[in-house]
Amino acid sequence: MGLRPRWIPTAAIGSIWSGTCGQSGHWPLDQPFTARSLHALLAERIGRLDVASAHLAIEGFIAQPEPLAIWSQDYFQQLVQHMVAT
């Protein structure tokens, strides 16, 4: 499936730091933050994502919510796979 999002919804990503970084949100100084680290954090968070709740949380803020129909955990995991560090 070709993915061509116009934007990546932050409501769907949520707080990717919650498990690894603890309440402060700071990345541990003894661990390098790499593209692989980011991908792992995103994959873990997306795995816990309640897509229906994320959809409901933002559909009232956009004029045409129909494109949100493609949202799923698989969709967001595919987006992460297409991310490239620059």
N, C-alpha and C. Protein backbone atom coordinates (compact mmCIF):
# COMPACT_ATOMS: atom_id res chain seq x y z
N MET A 1 0.86 -1.18 0.00
CA MET A 1 0.00 0.00 0.00
C MET A 1 0.89 1.23 0.00
N GLY A 2 0.66 2.16 -0.89
CA GLY A 2 1.41 3.40 -0.91
C GLY A 2 0.84 4.38 0.09
N LEU A 3 1.66 4.88 0.96
CA LEU A 3 1.20 5.82 1.98
C LEU A 3 1.69 7.21 1.62
N ARG A 4 0.78 8.14 1.54
CA ARG A 4 1.15 9.51 1.23
C ARG A 4 0.38 10.47 2.14
N PRO A 5 0.72 10.47 3.41
CA PRO A 5 -0.01 11.35 4.33
C PRO A 5 0.35 12.80 4.09
N ARG A 6 -0.61 13.65 4.28
CA ARG A 6 -0.35 15.09 4.19
C ARG A 6 0.24 15.61 5.49
N TRP A 7 -0.03 14.91 6.57
CA TRP A 7 0.46 15.29 7.88
C TRP A 7 0.45 14.07 8.76
N ILE A 8 1.25 14.10 9.81
CA ILE A 8 1.25 13.02 10.79
C ILE A 8 0.56 13.55 12.03
N PRO A 9 -0.58 12.97 12.39
CA PRO A 9 -1.38 13.49 13.50
C PRO A 9 -0.72 13.25 14.85
N THR A 10 -0.46 14.33 15.57
CA THR A 10 0.14 14.19 16.88
C THR A 10 -0.82 13.55 17.87
N ALA A 11 -2.12 13.70 17.64
CA ALA A 11 -3.08 13.05 18.53
C ALA A 11 -2.92 11.54 18.47
N ALA A 12 -2.56 11.04 17.32
CA ALA A 12 -2.39 9.60 17.17
C ALA A 12 -1.08 9.12 17.78
N ILE A 13 -0.07 9.93 17.73
CA ILE A 13 1.23 9.55 18.27
C ILE A 13 1.18 9.58 19.79
N GLY A 14 0.57 10.59 20.36
CA GLY A 14 0.47 10.70 21.81
C GLY A 14 1.82 10.88 22.45
N SER A 15 1.93 10.51 23.68
CA SER A 15 3.17 10.67 24.43
C SER A 15 4.06 9.45 24.24
N ILE A 16 4.98 9.52 23.28
CA ILE A 16 5.85 8.38 23.01
C ILE A 16 6.87 8.16 24.11
N TRP A 17 7.04 9.14 24.96
CA TRP A 17 8.05 9.05 26.00
C TRP A 17 7.57 8.31 27.25
N SER A 18 6.30 8.06 27.36
CA SER A 18 5.72 7.62 28.63
C SER A 18 6.41 6.42 29.27
N GLY A 19 6.78 5.42 28.50
CA GLY A 19 7.39 4.23 29.09
C GLY A 19 8.87 4.37 29.34
N THR A 20 9.64 4.76 28.36
CA THR A 20 11.09 4.80 28.44
C THR A 20 11.60 5.96 29.28
N CYS A 21 11.00 7.09 29.13
CA CYS A 21 11.56 8.31 29.74
C CYS A 21 10.95 8.66 31.08
N GLY A 22 9.95 7.95 31.49
CA GLY A 22 9.34 8.26 32.77
C GLY A 22 8.53 9.53 32.73
N GLN A 23 8.12 9.97 33.88
CA GLN A 23 7.24 11.11 33.99
C GLN A 23 7.88 12.41 33.52
N SER A 24 9.19 12.57 33.69
CA SER A 24 9.84 13.84 33.34
C SER A 24 9.85 14.07 31.84
N GLY A 25 9.81 13.01 31.03
CA GLY A 25 9.85 13.16 29.60
C GLY A 25 11.25 13.31 29.04
N HIS A 26 12.26 13.22 29.87
CA HIS A 26 13.64 13.36 29.42
C HIS A 26 14.20 12.01 28.98
N TRP A 27 14.95 12.03 27.91
CA TRP A 27 15.62 10.83 27.43
C TRP A 27 16.82 10.57 28.35
N PRO A 28 17.04 9.32 28.76
CA PRO A 28 18.17 9.02 29.64
C PRO A 28 19.51 9.43 29.01
N LEU A 29 20.35 10.14 29.75
CA LEU A 29 21.61 10.65 29.23
C LEU A 29 22.58 9.54 28.83
N ASP A 30 22.45 8.37 29.43
CA ASP A 30 23.38 7.28 29.12
C ASP A 30 22.97 6.47 27.89
N GLN A 31 21.90 6.87 27.22
CA GLN A 31 21.43 6.16 26.03
C GLN A 31 21.44 7.11 24.83
N PRO A 32 22.10 6.73 23.75
CA PRO A 32 22.06 7.59 22.56
C PRO A 32 20.65 7.58 21.95
N PHE A 33 20.20 8.73 21.52
CA PHE A 33 18.91 8.81 20.87
C PHE A 33 19.15 8.75 19.36
N THR A 34 18.71 7.67 18.77
CA THR A 34 18.96 7.42 17.36
C THR A 34 17.65 7.26 16.61
N ALA A 35 17.74 7.17 15.29
CA ALA A 35 16.54 6.91 14.49
C ALA A 35 15.92 5.59 14.91
N ARG A 36 16.76 4.61 15.22
CA ARG A 36 16.24 3.31 15.68
C ARG A 36 15.49 3.46 17.00
N SER A 37 16.02 4.29 17.90
CA SER A 37 15.35 4.54 19.18
C SER A 37 13.98 5.16 18.94
N LEU A 38 13.94 6.16 18.07
CA LEU A 38 12.67 6.82 17.76
C LEU A 38 11.68 5.84 17.16
N HIS A 39 12.12 5.04 16.21
CA HIS A 39 11.24 4.05 15.59
C HIS A 39 10.70 3.07 16.62
N ALA A 40 11.56 2.63 17.54
CA ALA A 40 11.12 1.70 18.58
C ALA A 40 10.09 2.34 19.50
N LEU A 41 10.32 3.59 19.90
CA LEU A 41 9.36 4.30 20.75
C LEU A 41 8.02 4.47 20.05
N LEU A 42 8.08 4.87 18.80
CA LEU A 42 6.84 5.07 18.05
C LEU A 42 6.10 3.75 17.86
N ALA A 43 6.81 2.69 17.52
CA ALA A 43 6.17 1.39 17.33
C ALA A 43 5.50 0.91 18.61
N GLU A 44 6.18 1.11 19.74
CA GLU A 44 5.61 0.71 21.03
C GLU A 44 4.36 1.51 21.35
N ARG A 45 4.42 2.81 21.13
CA ARG A 45 3.27 3.67 21.44
C ARG A 45 2.11 3.40 20.50
N ILE A 46 2.40 3.22 19.23
CA ILE A 46 1.34 2.92 18.27
C ILE A 46 0.67 1.59 18.61
N GLY A 47 1.45 0.65 19.13
CA GLY A 47 0.88 -0.64 19.54
C GLY A 47 -0.13 -0.51 20.66
N ARG A 48 -0.05 0.57 21.43
CA ARG A 48 -1.00 0.82 22.52
C ARG A 48 -2.10 1.81 22.13
N LEU A 49 -2.05 2.28 20.90
CA LEU A 49 -2.96 3.32 20.45
C LEU A 49 -4.41 2.84 20.32
N ASP A 50 -5.31 3.60 20.89
CA ASP A 50 -6.74 3.37 20.70
C ASP A 50 -7.14 4.26 19.52
N VAL A 51 -7.13 3.69 18.34
CA VAL A 51 -7.36 4.46 17.11
C VAL A 51 -8.73 5.12 17.11
N ALA A 52 -9.73 4.41 17.57
CA ALA A 52 -11.10 4.97 17.58
C ALA A 52 -11.15 6.22 18.46
N SER A 53 -10.50 6.19 19.61
CA SER A 53 -10.49 7.36 20.49
C SER A 53 -9.73 8.52 19.87
N ALA A 54 -8.60 8.22 19.22
CA ALA A 54 -7.82 9.27 18.56
C ALA A 54 -8.64 9.91 17.45
N HIS A 55 -9.35 9.09 16.72
CA HIS A 55 -10.20 9.56 15.63
C HIS A 55 -11.28 10.51 16.17
N LEU A 56 -11.95 10.06 17.21
CA LEU A 56 -13.01 10.88 17.81
C LEU A 56 -12.47 12.18 18.40
N ALA A 57 -11.26 12.13 18.92
CA ALA A 57 -10.67 13.31 19.57
C ALA A 57 -10.41 14.44 18.58
N ILE A 58 -10.18 14.14 17.32
CA ILE A 58 -9.84 15.22 16.40
C ILE A 58 -10.84 15.44 15.27
N GLU A 59 -11.76 14.51 15.04
CA GLU A 59 -12.64 14.66 13.88
C GLU A 59 -13.47 15.94 13.92
N GLY A 60 -13.77 16.46 15.08
CA GLY A 60 -14.51 17.70 15.19
C GLY A 60 -13.71 18.94 14.81
N PHE A 61 -12.41 18.79 14.70
CA PHE A 61 -11.54 19.92 14.40
C PHE A 61 -11.18 20.03 12.92
N ILE A 62 -11.61 19.08 12.12
CA ILE A 62 -11.29 19.13 10.69
C ILE A 62 -12.55 19.14 9.86
N ALA A 63 -12.49 19.84 8.75
CA ALA A 63 -13.68 20.04 7.92
C ALA A 63 -14.14 18.76 7.23
N GLN A 64 -13.20 17.94 6.78
CA GLN A 64 -13.55 16.72 6.06
C GLN A 64 -12.86 15.53 6.73
N PRO A 65 -13.55 14.85 7.65
CA PRO A 65 -12.92 13.76 8.40
C PRO A 65 -12.81 12.44 7.62
N GLU A 66 -13.31 12.37 6.41
CA GLU A 66 -13.29 11.12 5.65
C GLU A 66 -11.89 10.51 5.50
N PRO A 67 -10.83 11.31 5.28
CA PRO A 67 -9.50 10.71 5.16
C PRO A 67 -9.04 9.95 6.41
N LEU A 68 -9.65 10.24 7.55
CA LEU A 68 -9.28 9.54 8.78
C LEU A 68 -9.70 8.08 8.76
N ALA A 69 -10.51 7.70 7.81
CA ALA A 69 -10.99 6.32 7.72
C ALA A 69 -9.85 5.32 7.53
N ILE A 70 -8.72 5.76 7.01
CA ILE A 70 -7.59 4.84 6.81
C ILE A 70 -6.79 4.61 8.08
N TRP A 71 -7.07 5.37 9.13
CA TRP A 71 -6.31 5.23 10.36
C TRP A 71 -6.47 3.84 10.95
N SER A 72 -5.38 3.24 11.31
CA SER A 72 -5.34 1.98 12.03
C SER A 72 -3.94 1.86 12.63
N GLN A 73 -3.75 0.92 13.53
CA GLN A 73 -2.40 0.71 14.06
C GLN A 73 -1.45 0.33 12.94
N ASP A 74 -1.91 -0.50 12.02
CA ASP A 74 -1.07 -0.91 10.90
C ASP A 74 -0.67 0.29 10.04
N TYR A 75 -1.61 1.18 9.78
CA TYR A 75 -1.32 2.38 8.98
C TYR A 75 -0.20 3.20 9.62
N PHE A 76 -0.31 3.43 10.94
CA PHE A 76 0.69 4.24 11.62
C PHE A 76 2.04 3.51 11.71
N GLN A 77 2.00 2.19 11.87
CA GLN A 77 3.25 1.42 11.87
C GLN A 77 3.93 1.55 10.50
N GLN A 78 3.16 1.53 9.43
CA GLN A 78 3.73 1.70 8.10
C GLN A 78 4.34 3.10 7.93
N LEU A 79 3.68 4.10 8.48
CA LEU A 79 4.25 5.46 8.42
C LEU A 79 5.63 5.50 9.10
N VAL A 80 5.73 4.86 10.24
CA VAL A 80 7.00 4.83 10.97
C VAL A 80 8.08 4.16 10.11
N GLN A 81 7.72 3.09 9.43
CA GLN A 81 8.69 2.37 8.59
C GLN A 81 9.19 3.25 7.45
N HIS A 82 8.40 4.21 7.02
CA HIS A 82 8.78 5.10 5.91
C HIS A 82 9.54 6.34 6.37
N MET A 83 9.65 6.52 7.69
CA MET A 83 10.38 7.68 8.20
C MET A 83 11.86 7.48 7.98
N VAL A 84 12.54 8.53 7.57
CA VAL A 84 13.97 8.50 7.34
C VAL A 84 14.62 9.62 8.13
N ALA A 85 15.67 9.31 8.85
CA ALA A 85 16.39 10.32 9.63
C ALA A 85 17.28 11.12 8.67
N THR A 86 17.26 12.42 8.83
CA THR A 86 18.14 13.28 8.02
C THR A 86 19.01 14.15 8.89
